[in-house]
Amino acid sequence: MAFRTLNGLMAALFALAVAVQYNDPDPVRWMAIYGAACLVTLMVAIRGRAPIAAPVAVGLIALAWCVYWASTSRADLGTYGHMFDAWEMKNEPIEEAREASGLLIVSAWMAVVALRTRVQART
């Protein structure tokens, strides 16, 4: 039951991430990845499980995108310490650090869901 509750909270977080993308210059791709993560976590919150392919696919897409984003970004490690100094876009490297961090959160939680789904399938 606790895992379902956690997924409900993550679904709310991902839904909020979708909502705040409306003012982004390129909202569709960000809404798609956060929306997909929201659907997977909502499925787990309601049904207790999701098909293993769903979190694996969403997680791998987010991870690959995160690695690409981080490798092409102008953000350095020091930039990550200033991500939340202000809520508006301060500069492009800070925005890129926020976006890479969001993708990392999606991929990490999808890994948790996939591993939990795999363990449940074995029992």
PDB file of N, CA and C in Angstrom:
ATOM      1  N   MET A   1       0.821  -1.200   0.000  1.00  0.00           N
ATOM      2  CA  MET A   1       0.000   0.000   0.000  1.00  0.00           C
ATOM      3  C   MET A   1       0.866   1.266   0.000  1.00  0.00           C
ATOM      4  N   ALA A   2       1.995   1.219   0.698  1.00  0.00           N
ATOM      5  CA  ALA A   2       2.879   2.387   0.753  1.00  0.00           C
ATOM      6  C   ALA A   2       3.438   2.708  -0.634  1.00  0.00           C
ATOM      7  N   PHE A   3       3.741   1.666  -1.407  1.00  0.00           N
ATOM      8  CA  PHE A   3       4.285   1.900  -2.745  1.00  0.00           C
ATOM      9  C   PHE A   3       3.242   2.547  -3.652  1.00  0.00           C
ATOM     10  N   ARG A   4       2.003   2.141  -3.496  1.00  0.00           N
ATOM     11  CA  ARG A   4       0.928   2.756  -4.276  1.00  0.00           C
ATOM     12  C   ARG A   4       0.771   4.226  -3.899  1.00  0.00           C
ATOM     13  N   THR A   5       0.879   4.519  -2.621  1.00  0.00           N
ATOM     14  CA  THR A   5       0.784   5.904  -2.153  1.00  0.00           C
ATOM     15  C   THR A   5       1.933   6.738  -2.701  1.00  0.00           C
ATOM     16  N   LEU A   6       3.148   6.188  -2.651  1.00  0.00           N
ATOM     17  CA  LEU A   6       4.305   6.894  -3.217  1.00  0.00           C
ATOM     18  C   LEU A   6       4.107   7.179  -4.703  1.00  0.00           C
ATOM     19  N   ASN A   7       3.546   6.229  -5.410  1.00  0.00           N
ATOM     20  CA  ASN A   7       3.294   6.439  -6.836  1.00  0.00           C
ATOM     21  C   ASN A   7       2.210   7.483  -7.061  1.00  0.00           C
ATOM     22  N   GLY A   8       1.244   7.554  -6.163  1.00  0.00           N
ATOM     23  CA  GLY A   8       0.251   8.620  -6.242  1.00  0.00           C
ATOM     24  C   GLY A   8       0.892   9.985  -6.073  1.00  0.00           C
ATOM     25  N   LEU A   9       1.833  10.083  -5.135  1.00  0.00           N
ATOM     26  CA  LEU A   9       2.556  11.345  -4.933  1.00  0.00           C
ATOM     27  C   LEU A   9       3.421  11.685  -6.145  1.00  0.00           C
ATOM     28  N   MET A  10       4.086  10.684  -6.700  1.00  0.00           N
ATOM     29  CA  MET A  10       4.913  10.927  -7.888  1.00  0.00           C
ATOM     30  C   MET A  10       4.045  11.300  -9.094  1.00  0.00           C
ATOM     31  N   ALA A  11       2.856  10.698  -9.192  1.00  0.00           N
ATOM     32  CA  ALA A  11       1.939  11.067 -10.276  1.00  0.00           C
ATOM     33  C   ALA A  11       1.554  12.536 -10.155  1.00  0.00           C
ATOM     34  N   ALA A  12       1.297  12.985  -8.923  1.00  0.00           N
ATOM     35  CA  ALA A  12       0.969  14.400  -8.707  1.00  0.00           C
ATOM     36  C   ALA A  12       2.155  15.290  -9.074  1.00  0.00           C
ATOM     37  N   LEU A  13       3.357  14.878  -8.710  1.00  0.00           N
ATOM     38  CA  LEU A  13       4.558  15.646  -9.050  1.00  0.00           C
ATOM     39  C   LEU A  13       4.740  15.738 -10.564  1.00  0.00           C
ATOM     40  N   PHE A  14       4.573  14.606 -11.251  1.00  0.00           N
ATOM     41  CA  PHE A  14       4.733  14.614 -12.703  1.00  0.00           C
ATOM     42  C   PHE A  14       3.611  15.410 -13.382  1.00  0.00           C
ATOM     43  N   ALA A  15       2.397  15.369 -12.827  1.00  0.00           N
ATOM     44  CA  ALA A  15       1.298  16.178 -13.371  1.00  0.00           C
ATOM     45  C   ALA A  15       1.607  17.664 -13.209  1.00  0.00           C
ATOM     46  N   LEU A  16       2.176  18.036 -12.073  1.00  0.00           N
ATOM     47  CA  LEU A  16       2.585  19.424 -11.861  1.00  0.00           C
ATOM     48  C   LEU A  16       3.669  19.816 -12.870  1.00  0.00           C
ATOM     49  N   ALA A  17       4.594  18.893 -13.126  1.00  0.00           N
ATOM     50  CA  ALA A  17       5.653  19.156 -14.110  1.00  0.00           C
ATOM     51  C   ALA A  17       5.054  19.386 -15.497  1.00  0.00           C
ATOM     52  N   VAL A  18       4.002  18.636 -15.833  1.00  0.00           N
ATOM     53  CA  VAL A  18       3.320  18.857 -17.113  1.00  0.00           C
ATOM     54  C   VAL A  18       2.705  20.250 -17.132  1.00  0.00           C
ATOM     55  N   ALA A  19       2.033  20.617 -16.053  1.00  0.00           N
ATOM     56  CA  ALA A  19       1.323  21.902 -15.992  1.00  0.00           C
ATOM     57  C   ALA A  19       2.262  23.099 -16.131  1.00  0.00           C
ATOM     58  N   VAL A  20       3.432  23.033 -15.524  1.00  0.00           N
ATOM     59  CA  VAL A  20       4.330  24.192 -15.571  1.00  0.00           C
ATOM     60  C   VAL A  20       5.063  24.320 -16.907  1.00  0.00           C
ATOM     61  N   GLN A  21       4.881  23.354 -17.794  1.00  0.00           N
ATOM     62  CA  GLN A  21       5.534  23.428 -19.105  1.00  0.00           C
ATOM     63  C   GLN A  21       4.804  24.335 -20.087  1.00  0.00           C
ATOM     64  N   TYR A  22       3.596  24.788 -19.736  1.00  0.00           N
ATOM     65  CA  TYR A  22       2.819  25.615 -20.667  1.00  0.00           C
ATOM     66  C   TYR A  22       3.546  26.885 -21.083  1.00  0.00           C
ATOM     67  N   ASN A  23       4.383  27.433 -20.222  1.00  0.00           N
ATOM     68  CA  ASN A  23       5.086  28.664 -20.587  1.00  0.00           C
ATOM     69  C   ASN A  23       6.485  28.400 -21.141  1.00  0.00           C
ATOM     70  N   ASP A  24       6.823  27.142 -21.368  1.00  0.00           N
ATOM     71  CA  ASP A  24       8.131  26.774 -21.903  1.00  0.00           C
ATOM     72  C   ASP A  24       8.159  27.038 -23.415  1.00  0.00           C
ATOM     73  N   PRO A  25       9.306  27.420 -23.955  1.00  0.00           N
ATOM     74  CA  PRO A  25       9.391  27.644 -25.408  1.00  0.00           C
ATOM     75  C   PRO A  25       9.146  26.376 -26.236  1.00  0.00           C
ATOM     76  N   ASP A  26       9.433  25.209 -25.665  1.00  0.00           N
ATOM     77  CA  ASP A  26       9.219  23.942 -26.371  1.00  0.00           C
ATOM     78  C   ASP A  26       8.463  22.981 -25.452  1.00  0.00           C
ATOM     79  N   PRO A  27       7.177  23.241 -25.190  1.00  0.00           N
ATOM     80  CA  PRO A  27       6.456  22.489 -24.164  1.00  0.00           C
ATOM     81  C   PRO A  27       6.088  21.058 -24.537  1.00  0.00           C
ATOM     82  N   VAL A  28       5.876  20.765 -25.804  1.00  0.00           N
ATOM     83  CA  VAL A  28       5.305  19.474 -26.183  1.00  0.00           C
ATOM     84  C   VAL A  28       6.187  18.302 -25.770  1.00  0.00           C
ATOM     85  N   ARG A  29       7.466  18.373 -26.050  1.00  0.00           N
ATOM     86  CA  ARG A  29       8.335  17.233 -25.715  1.00  0.00           C
ATOM     87  C   ARG A  29       8.449  17.042 -24.212  1.00  0.00           C
ATOM     88  N   TRP A  30       8.463  18.141 -23.447  1.00  0.00           N
ATOM     89  CA  TRP A  30       8.552  18.024 -21.993  1.00  0.00           C
ATOM     90  C   TRP A  30       7.239  17.516 -21.414  1.00  0.00           C
ATOM     91  N   MET A  31       6.131  17.984 -21.949  1.00  0.00           N
ATOM     92  CA  MET A  31       4.828  17.491 -21.497  1.00  0.00           C
ATOM     93  C   MET A  31       4.688  16.003 -21.795  1.00  0.00           C
ATOM     94  N   ALA A  32       5.228  15.571 -22.915  1.00  0.00           N
ATOM     95  CA  ALA A  32       5.131  14.162 -23.300  1.00  0.00           C
ATOM     96  C   ALA A  32       5.880  13.265 -22.318  1.00  0.00           C
ATOM     97  N   ILE A  33       7.108  13.611 -21.969  1.00  0.00           N
ATOM     98  CA  ILE A  33       7.885  12.740 -21.077  1.00  0.00           C
ATOM     99  C   ILE A  33       7.323  12.763 -19.664  1.00  0.00           C
ATOM    100  N   TYR A  34       6.972  13.956 -19.160  1.00  0.00           N
ATOM    101  CA  TYR A  34       6.386  14.028 -17.821  1.00  0.00           C
ATOM    102  C   TYR A  34       4.991  13.412 -17.803  1.00  0.00           C
ATOM    103  N   GLY A  35       4.243  13.577 -18.891  1.00  0.00           N
ATOM    104  CA  GLY A  35       2.917  12.967 -18.980  1.00  0.00           C
ATOM    105  C   GLY A  35       2.993  11.449 -19.000  1.00  0.00           C
ATOM    106  N   ALA A  36       3.959  10.909 -19.730  1.00  0.00           N
ATOM    107  CA  ALA A  36       4.139   9.453 -19.764  1.00  0.00           C
ATOM    108  C   ALA A  36       4.504   8.927 -18.380  1.00  0.00           C
ATOM    109  N   ALA A  37       5.394   9.619 -17.686  1.00  0.00           N
ATOM    110  CA  ALA A  37       5.765   9.210 -16.325  1.00  0.00           C
ATOM    111  C   ALA A  37       4.560   9.308 -15.395  1.00  0.00           C
ATOM    112  N   CYS A  38       3.748  10.339 -15.575  1.00  0.00           N
ATOM    113  CA  CYS A  38       2.541  10.507 -14.770  1.00  0.00           C
ATOM    114  C   CYS A  38       1.581   9.333 -14.994  1.00  0.00           C
ATOM    115  N   LEU A  39       1.385   8.940 -16.240  1.00  0.00           N
ATOM    116  CA  LEU A  39       0.481   7.825 -16.537  1.00  0.00           C
ATOM    117  C   LEU A  39       0.970   6.513 -15.932  1.00  0.00           C
ATOM    118  N   VAL A  40       2.269   6.251 -16.027  1.00  0.00           N
ATOM    119  CA  VAL A  40       2.817   5.014 -15.451  1.00  0.00           C
ATOM    120  C   VAL A  40       2.615   4.997 -13.939  1.00  0.00           C
ATOM    121  N   THR A  41       2.958   6.098 -13.274  1.00  0.00           N
ATOM    122  CA  THR A  41       2.832   6.132 -11.815  1.00  0.00           C
ATOM    123  C   THR A  41       1.374   6.125 -11.380  1.00  0.00           C
ATOM    124  N   LEU A  42       0.502   6.735 -12.151  1.00  0.00           N
ATOM    125  CA  LEU A  42      -0.925   6.709 -11.845  1.00  0.00           C
ATOM    126  C   LEU A  42      -1.472   5.289 -11.973  1.00  0.00           C
ATOM    127  N   MET A  43      -1.009   4.570 -12.986  1.00  0.00           N
ATOM    128  CA  MET A  43      -1.419   3.181 -13.164  1.00  0.00           C
ATOM    129  C   MET A  43      -1.009   2.336 -11.958  1.00  0.00           C
ATOM    130  N   VAL A  44       0.208   2.534 -11.484  1.00  0.00           N
ATOM    131  CA  VAL A  44       0.682   1.783 -10.316  1.00  0.00           C
ATOM    132  C   VAL A  44      -0.092   2.203  -9.068  1.00  0.00           C
ATOM    133  N   ALA A  45      -0.376   3.484  -8.927  1.00  0.00           N
ATOM    134  CA  ALA A  45      -1.121   3.965  -7.760  1.00  0.00           C
ATOM    135  C   ALA A  45      -2.529   3.375  -7.721  1.00  0.00           C
ATOM    136  N   ILE A  46      -3.157   3.233  -8.873  1.00  0.00           N
ATOM    137  CA  ILE A  46      -4.541   2.743  -8.927  1.00  0.00           C
ATOM    138  C   ILE A  46      -4.607   1.221  -8.964  1.00  0.00           C
ATOM    139  N   ARG A  47      -3.832   0.602  -9.840  1.00  0.00           N
ATOM    140  CA  ARG A  47      -3.914  -0.846 -10.044  1.00  0.00           C
ATOM    141  C   ARG A  47      -2.899  -1.642  -9.235  1.00  0.00           C
ATOM    142  N   GLY A  48      -1.872  -0.973  -8.745  1.00  0.00           N
ATOM    143  CA  GLY A  48      -0.843  -1.672  -7.993  1.00  0.00           C
ATOM    144  C   GLY A  48       0.304  -2.171  -8.845  1.00  0.00           C
ATOM    145  N   ARG A  49       0.176  -2.058 -10.148  1.00  0.00           N
ATOM    146  CA  ARG A  49       1.236  -2.505 -11.048  1.00  0.00           C
ATOM    147  C   ARG A  49       1.047  -1.865 -12.418  1.00  0.00           C
ATOM    148  N   ALA A  50       2.103  -1.962 -13.214  1.00  0.00           N
ATOM    149  CA  ALA A  50       2.065  -1.497 -14.605  1.00  0.00           C
ATOM    150  C   ALA A  50       2.785  -2.546 -15.440  1.00  0.00           C
ATOM    151  N   PRO A  51       2.447  -2.666 -16.714  1.00  0.00           N
ATOM    152  CA  PRO A  51       3.218  -3.579 -17.564  1.00  0.00           C
ATOM    153  C   PRO A  51       4.692  -3.164 -17.530  1.00  0.00           C
ATOM    154  N   ILE A  52       5.576  -4.114 -17.376  1.00  0.00           N
ATOM    155  CA  ILE A  52       7.006  -3.826 -17.207  1.00  0.00           C
ATOM    156  C   ILE A  52       7.557  -2.966 -18.349  1.00  0.00           C
ATOM    157  N   ALA A  53       7.016  -3.126 -19.538  1.00  0.00           N
ATOM    158  CA  ALA A  53       7.516  -2.353 -20.687  1.00  0.00           C
ATOM    159  C   ALA A  53       7.293  -0.853 -20.516  1.00  0.00           C
ATOM    160  N   ALA A  54       6.249  -0.459 -19.803  1.00  0.00           N
ATOM    161  CA  ALA A  54       5.936   0.972 -19.666  1.00  0.00           C
ATOM    162  C   ALA A  54       7.013   1.728 -18.883  1.00  0.00           C
ATOM    163  N   PRO A  55       7.331   1.337 -17.642  1.00  0.00           N
ATOM    164  CA  PRO A  55       8.377   2.085 -16.938  1.00  0.00           C
ATOM    165  C   PRO A  55       9.756   1.919 -17.567  1.00  0.00           C
ATOM    166  N   VAL A  56      10.016   0.760 -18.157  1.00  0.00           N
ATOM    167  CA  VAL A  56      11.317   0.554 -18.809  1.00  0.00           C
ATOM    168  C   VAL A  56      11.458   1.506 -19.997  1.00  0.00           C
ATOM    169  N   ALA A  57      10.438   1.591 -20.836  1.00  0.00           N
ATOM    170  CA  ALA A  57      10.504   2.467 -22.012  1.00  0.00           C
ATOM    171  C   ALA A  57      10.619   3.935 -21.608  1.00  0.00           C
ATOM    172  N   VAL A  58       9.759   4.375 -20.695  1.00  0.00           N
ATOM    173  CA  VAL A  58       9.793   5.782 -20.275  1.00  0.00           C
ATOM    174  C   VAL A  58      11.133   6.095 -19.608  1.00  0.00           C
ATOM    175  N   GLY A  59      11.601   5.191 -18.755  1.00  0.00           N
ATOM    176  CA  GLY A  59      12.863   5.404 -18.053  1.00  0.00           C
ATOM    177  C   GLY A  59      14.067   5.454 -18.980  1.00  0.00           C
ATOM    178  N   LEU A  60      14.105   4.558 -19.958  1.00  0.00           N
ATOM    179  CA  LEU A  60      15.235   4.549 -20.898  1.00  0.00           C
ATOM    180  C   LEU A  60      15.235   5.780 -21.800  1.00  0.00           C
ATOM    181  N   ILE A  61      14.055   6.200 -22.223  1.00  0.00           N
ATOM    182  CA  ILE A  61      13.968   7.419 -23.035  1.00  0.00           C
ATOM    183  C   ILE A  61      14.453   8.614 -22.222  1.00  0.00           C
ATOM    184  N   ALA A  62      13.976   8.723 -20.982  1.00  0.00           N
ATOM    185  CA  ALA A  62      14.385   9.848 -20.127  1.00  0.00           C
ATOM    186  C   ALA A  62      15.883   9.807 -19.839  1.00  0.00           C
ATOM    187  N   LEU A  63      16.424   8.620 -19.585  1.00  0.00           N
ATOM    188  CA  LEU A  63      17.851   8.501 -19.291  1.00  0.00           C
ATOM    189  C   LEU A  63      18.702   8.865 -20.508  1.00  0.00           C
ATOM    190  N   ALA A  64      18.331   8.350 -21.674  1.00  0.00           N
ATOM    191  CA  ALA A  64      19.083   8.675 -22.895  1.00  0.00           C
ATOM    192  C   ALA A  64      19.018  10.171 -23.185  1.00  0.00           C
ATOM    193  N   TRP A  65      17.851  10.749 -23.004  1.00  0.00           N
ATOM    194  CA  TRP A  65      17.676  12.185 -23.230  1.00  0.00           C
ATOM    195  C   TRP A  65      18.488  12.987 -22.223  1.00  0.00           C
ATOM    196  N   CYS A  66      18.513  12.530 -20.980  1.00  0.00           N
ATOM    197  CA  CYS A  66      19.288  13.199 -19.927  1.00  0.00           C
ATOM    198  C   CYS A  66      20.783  13.168 -20.249  1.00  0.00           C
ATOM    199  N   VAL A  67      21.282  12.024 -20.658  1.00  0.00           N
ATOM    200  CA  VAL A  67      22.703  11.901 -21.000  1.00  0.00           C
ATOM    201  C   VAL A  67      23.038  12.811 -22.179  1.00  0.00           C
ATOM    202  N   TYR A  68      22.180  12.806 -23.194  1.00  0.00           N
ATOM    203  CA  TYR A  68      22.399  13.686 -24.344  1.00  0.00           C
ATOM    204  C   TYR A  68      22.367  15.150 -23.905  1.00  0.00           C
ATOM    205  N   TRP A  69      21.351  15.501 -23.118  1.00  0.00           N
ATOM    206  CA  TRP A  69      21.182  16.886 -22.673  1.00  0.00           C
ATOM    207  C   TRP A  69      22.386  17.338 -21.859  1.00  0.00           C
ATOM    208  N   ALA A  70      22.828  16.491 -20.942  1.00  0.00           N
ATOM    209  CA  ALA A  70      23.967  16.846 -20.092  1.00  0.00           C
ATOM    210  C   ALA A  70      25.261  16.963 -20.907  1.00  0.00           C
ATOM    211  N   SER A  71      25.411  16.133 -21.922  1.00  0.00           N
ATOM    212  CA  SER A  71      26.645  16.166 -22.712  1.00  0.00           C
ATOM    213  C   SER A  71      26.703  17.351 -23.672  1.00  0.00           C
ATOM    214  N   THR A  72      25.564  17.902 -24.037  1.00  0.00           N
ATOM    215  CA  THR A  72      25.548  19.041 -24.956  1.00  0.00           C
ATOM    216  C   THR A  72      25.270  20.363 -24.248  1.00  0.00           C
ATOM    217  N   SER A  73      25.027  20.301 -22.961  1.00  0.00           N
ATOM    218  CA  SER A  73      24.662  21.491 -22.189  1.00  0.00           C
ATOM    219  C   SER A  73      25.878  22.343 -21.851  1.00  0.00           C
ATOM    220  N   ARG A  74      25.621  23.606 -21.617  1.00  0.00           N
ATOM    221  CA  ARG A  74      26.674  24.509 -21.156  1.00  0.00           C
ATOM    222  C   ARG A  74      26.710  24.587 -19.632  1.00  0.00           C
ATOM    223  N   ALA A  75      25.863  23.817 -18.972  1.00  0.00           N
ATOM    224  CA  ALA A  75      25.834  23.815 -17.509  1.00  0.00           C
ATOM    225  C   ALA A  75      27.004  22.994 -16.974  1.00  0.00           C
ATOM    226  N   ASP A  76      27.709  23.553 -15.991  1.00  0.00           N
ATOM    227  CA  ASP A  76      28.752  22.791 -15.315  1.00  0.00           C
ATOM    228  C   ASP A  76      28.219  22.400 -13.933  1.00  0.00           C
ATOM    229  N   LEU A  77      29.011  21.672 -13.165  1.00  0.00           N
ATOM    230  CA  LEU A  77      28.535  21.200 -11.860  1.00  0.00           C
ATOM    231  C   LEU A  77      28.161  22.347 -10.927  1.00  0.00           C
ATOM    232  N   GLY A  78      28.847  23.467 -11.018  1.00  0.00           N
ATOM    233  CA  GLY A  78      28.524  24.615 -10.177  1.00  0.00           C
ATOM    234  C   GLY A  78      27.144  25.188 -10.474  1.00  0.00           C
ATOM    235  N   THR A  79      26.698  25.035 -11.704  1.00  0.00           N
ATOM    236  CA  THR A  79      25.385  25.542 -12.105  1.00  0.00           C
ATOM    237  C   THR A  79      24.268  24.845 -11.341  1.00  0.00           C
ATOM    238  N   TYR A  80      24.448  23.564 -11.055  1.00  0.00           N
ATOM    239  CA  TYR A  80      23.409  22.797 -10.374  1.00  0.00           C
ATOM    240  C   TYR A  80      23.128  23.335  -8.977  1.00  0.00           C
ATOM    241  N   GLY A  81      24.098  23.971  -8.369  1.00  0.00           N
ATOM    242  CA  GLY A  81      23.900  24.567  -7.052  1.00  0.00           C
ATOM    243  C   GLY A  81      23.057  25.826  -7.073  1.00  0.00           C
ATOM    244  N   HIS A  82      22.809  26.372  -8.255  1.00  0.00           N
ATOM    245  CA  HIS A  82      22.038  27.616  -8.378  1.00  0.00           C
ATOM    246  C   HIS A  82      20.698  27.410  -9.082  1.00  0.00           C
ATOM    247  N   MET A  83      20.278  26.156  -9.219  1.00  0.00           N
ATOM    248  CA  MET A  83      19.047  25.871  -9.950  1.00  0.00           C
ATOM    249  C   MET A  83      17.815  26.521  -9.331  1.00  0.00           C
ATOM    250  N   PHE A  84      17.805  26.671  -8.015  1.00  0.00           N
ATOM    251  CA  PHE A  84      16.603  27.162  -7.342  1.00  0.00           C
ATOM    252  C   PHE A  84      16.804  28.519  -6.685  1.00  0.00           C
ATOM    253  N   ASP A  85      17.797  29.262  -7.132  1.00  0.00           N
ATOM    254  CA  ASP A  85      17.997  30.619  -6.613  1.00  0.00           C
ATOM    255  C   ASP A  85      16.804  31.508  -6.952  1.00  0.00           C
ATOM    256  N   ALA A  86      16.196  31.280  -8.092  1.00  0.00           N
ATOM    257  CA  ALA A  86      15.005  32.021  -8.514  1.00  0.00           C
ATOM    258  C   ALA A  86      14.157  31.080  -9.367  1.00  0.00           C
ATOM    259  N   TRP A  87      12.856  31.291  -9.385  1.00  0.00           N
ATOM    260  CA  TRP A  87      11.970  30.390 -10.124  1.00  0.00           C
ATOM    261  C   TRP A  87      11.917  30.702 -11.610  1.00  0.00           C
ATOM    262  N   GLU A  88      12.166  31.951 -11.972  1.00  0.00           N
ATOM    263  CA  GLU A  88      12.150  32.260 -13.399  1.00  0.00           C
ATOM    264  C   GLU A  88      13.465  31.800 -14.033  1.00  0.00           C
ATOM    265  N   MET A  89      13.477  31.813 -15.348  1.00  0.00           N
ATOM    266  CA  MET A  89      14.686  31.396 -16.065  1.00  0.00           C
ATOM    267  C   MET A  89      15.752  32.476 -15.908  1.00  0.00           C
ATOM    268  N   LYS A  90      16.796  32.158 -15.139  1.00  0.00           N
ATOM    269  CA  LYS A  90      17.889  33.122 -14.932  1.00  0.00           C
ATOM    270  C   LYS A  90      18.801  33.178 -16.145  1.00  0.00           C
ATOM    271  N   ASN A  91      19.199  32.000 -16.609  1.00  0.00           N
ATOM    272  CA  ASN A  91      20.029  31.916 -17.805  1.00  0.00           C
ATOM    273  C   ASN A  91      19.919  30.503 -18.374  1.00  0.00           C
ATOM    274  N   GLU A  92      20.429  30.331 -19.558  1.00  0.00           N
ATOM    275  CA  GLU A  92      20.268  29.053 -20.240  1.00  0.00           C
ATOM    276  C   GLU A  92      20.942  27.875 -19.532  1.00  0.00           C
ATOM    277  N   PRO A  93      22.168  27.992 -19.030  1.00  0.00           N
ATOM    278  CA  PRO A  93      22.765  26.849 -18.332  1.00  0.00           C
ATOM    279  C   PRO A  93      21.955  26.396 -17.111  1.00  0.00           C
ATOM    280  N   ILE A  94      21.373  27.330 -16.364  1.00  0.00           N
ATOM    281  CA  ILE A  94      20.558  26.935 -15.210  1.00  0.00           C
ATOM    282  C   ILE A  94      19.298  26.223 -15.683  1.00  0.00           C
ATOM    283  N   GLU A  95      18.678  26.709 -16.737  1.00  0.00           N
ATOM    284  CA  GLU A  95      17.497  26.049 -17.295  1.00  0.00           C
ATOM    285  C   GLU A  95      17.854  24.642 -17.775  1.00  0.00           C
ATOM    286  N   GLU A  96      18.997  24.481 -18.410  1.00  0.00           N
ATOM    287  CA  GLU A  96      19.436  23.165 -18.876  1.00  0.00           C
ATOM    288  C   GLU A  96      19.713  22.227 -17.705  1.00  0.00           C
ATOM    289  N   ALA A  97      20.267  22.744 -16.624  1.00  0.00           N
ATOM    290  CA  ALA A  97      20.509  21.930 -15.431  1.00  0.00           C
ATOM    291  C   ALA A  97      19.194  21.460 -14.834  1.00  0.00           C
ATOM    292  N   ARG A  98      18.200  22.335 -14.798  1.00  0.00           N
ATOM    293  CA  ARG A  98      16.874  21.951 -14.290  1.00  0.00           C
ATOM    294  C   ARG A  98      16.252  20.868 -15.160  1.00  0.00           C
ATOM    295  N   GLU A  99      16.363  21.029 -16.467  1.00  0.00           N
ATOM    296  CA  GLU A  99      15.768  20.057 -17.379  1.00  0.00           C
ATOM    297  C   GLU A  99      16.454  18.697 -17.268  1.00  0.00           C
ATOM    298  N   ALA A 100      17.778  18.683 -17.177  1.00  0.00           N
ATOM    299  CA  ALA A 100      18.502  17.418 -17.013  1.00  0.00           C
ATOM    300  C   ALA A 100      18.133  16.758 -15.692  1.00  0.00           C
ATOM    301  N   SER A 101      17.970  17.546 -14.647  1.00  0.00           N
ATOM    302  CA  SER A 101      17.591  16.999 -13.342  1.00  0.00           C
ATOM    303  C   SER A 101      16.191  16.399 -13.386  1.00  0.00           C
ATOM    304  N   GLY A 102      15.277  17.054 -14.082  1.00  0.00           N
ATOM    305  CA  GLY A 102      13.927  16.515 -14.228  1.00  0.00           C
ATOM    306  C   GLY A 102      13.931  15.178 -14.945  1.00  0.00           C
ATOM    307  N   LEU A 103      14.722  15.077 -15.992  1.00  0.00           N
ATOM    308  CA  LEU A 103      14.833  13.812 -16.719  1.00  0.00           C
ATOM    309  C   LEU A 103      15.452  12.726 -15.846  1.00  0.00           C
ATOM    310  N   LEU A 104      16.401  13.105 -15.016  1.00  0.00           N
ATOM    311  CA  LEU A 104      17.022  12.142 -14.106  1.00  0.00           C
ATOM    312  C   LEU A 104      16.014  11.642 -13.072  1.00  0.00           C
ATOM    313  N   ILE A 105      15.163  12.526 -12.581  1.00  0.00           N
ATOM    314  CA  ILE A 105      14.111  12.119 -11.640  1.00  0.00           C
ATOM    315  C   ILE A 105      13.165  11.128 -12.312  1.00  0.00           C
ATOM    316  N   VAL A 106      12.755  11.414 -13.544  1.00  0.00           N
ATOM    317  CA  VAL A 106      11.873  10.500 -14.277  1.00  0.00           C
ATOM    318  C   VAL A 106      12.542   9.143 -14.444  1.00  0.00           C
ATOM    319  N   SER A 107      13.774   9.118 -14.908  1.00  0.00           N
ATOM    320  CA  SER A 107      14.441   7.836 -15.155  1.00  0.00           C
ATOM    321  C   SER A 107      14.670   7.067 -13.860  1.00  0.00           C
ATOM    322  N   ALA A 108      15.015   7.752 -12.787  1.00  0.00           N
ATOM    323  CA  ALA A 108      15.237   7.070 -11.503  1.00  0.00           C
ATOM    324  C   ALA A 108      13.943   6.457 -10.979  1.00  0.00           C
ATOM    325  N   TRP A 109      12.838   7.208 -11.034  1.00  0.00           N
ATOM    326  CA  TRP A 109      11.587   6.657 -10.502  1.00  0.00           C
ATOM    327  C   TRP A 109      11.060   5.538 -11.398  1.00  0.00           C
ATOM    328  N   MET A 110      11.252   5.648 -12.692  1.00  0.00           N
ATOM    329  CA  MET A 110      10.831   4.565 -13.580  1.00  0.00           C
ATOM    330  C   MET A 110      11.651   3.304 -13.304  1.00  0.00           C
ATOM    331  N   ALA A 111      12.922   3.455 -12.936  1.00  0.00           N
ATOM    332  CA  ALA A 111      13.745   2.297 -12.559  1.00  0.00           C
ATOM    333  C   ALA A 111      13.191   1.648 -11.295  1.00  0.00           C
ATOM    334  N   VAL A 112      12.793   2.459 -10.325  1.00  0.00           N
ATOM    335  CA  VAL A 112      12.192   1.930  -9.092  1.00  0.00           C
ATOM    336  C   VAL A 112      10.921   1.156  -9.428  1.00  0.00           C
ATOM    337  N   VAL A 113      10.063   1.732 -10.255  1.00  0.00           N
ATOM    338  CA  VAL A 113       8.804   1.072 -10.629  1.00  0.00           C
ATOM    339  C   VAL A 113       9.084  -0.225 -11.389  1.00  0.00           C
ATOM    340  N   ALA A 114      10.021  -0.205 -12.321  1.00  0.00           N
ATOM    341  CA  ALA A 114      10.343  -1.401 -13.102  1.00  0.00           C
ATOM    342  C   ALA A 114      10.901  -2.509 -12.214  1.00  0.00           C
ATOM    343  N   LEU A 115      11.801  -2.152 -11.305  1.00  0.00           N
ATOM    344  CA  LEU A 115      12.364  -3.165 -10.398  1.00  0.00           C
ATOM    345  C   LEU A 115      11.293  -3.745  -9.489  1.00  0.00           C
ATOM    346  N   ARG A 116      10.431  -2.905  -8.974  1.00  0.00           N
ATOM    347  CA  ARG A 116       9.346  -3.375  -8.109  1.00  0.00           C
ATOM    348  C   ARG A 116       8.394  -4.278  -8.893  1.00  0.00           C
ATOM    349  N   THR A 117       8.106  -3.915 -10.124  1.00  0.00           N
ATOM    350  CA  THR A 117       7.232  -4.723 -10.976  1.00  0.00           C
ATOM    351  C   THR A 117       7.864  -6.083 -11.245  1.00  0.00           C
ATOM    352  N   ARG A 118       9.148  -6.092 -11.472  1.00  0.00           N
ATOM    353  CA  ARG A 118       9.853  -7.356 -11.726  1.00  0.00           C
ATOM    354  C   ARG A 118       9.835  -8.250 -10.490  1.00  0.00           C
ATOM    355  N   VAL A 119      10.057  -7.670  -9.323  1.00  0.00           N
ATOM    356  CA  VAL A 119      10.025  -8.443  -8.074  1.00  0.00           C
ATOM    357  C   VAL A 119       8.627  -9.002  -7.840  1.00  0.00           C
ATOM    358  N   GLN A 120       7.597  -8.196  -8.083  1.00  0.00           N
ATOM    359  CA  GLN A 120       6.216  -8.657  -7.906  1.00  0.00           C
ATOM    360  C   GLN A 120       5.890  -9.801  -8.856  1.00  0.00           C
ATOM    361  N   ALA A 121       6.426  -9.762 -10.060  1.00  0.00           N
ATOM    362  CA  ALA A 121       6.150 -10.810 -11.042  1.00  0.00           C
ATOM    363  C   ALA A 121       6.765 -12.142 -10.629  1.00  0.00           C
ATOM    364  N   ARG A 122       7.840 -12.097  -9.873  1.00  0.00           N
ATOM    365  CA  ARG A 122       8.512 -13.328  -9.437  1.00  0.00           C
ATOM    366  C   ARG A 122       7.823 -13.982  -8.244  1.00  0.00           C
ATOM    367  N   THR A 123       7.015 -13.229  -7.521  1.00  0.00           N
ATOM    368  CA  THR A 123       6.369 -13.805  -6.323  1.00  0.00           C
ATOM    369  C   THR A 123       4.969 -14.252  -6.593  1.00  0.00           C
TER     370      THR A 123
END
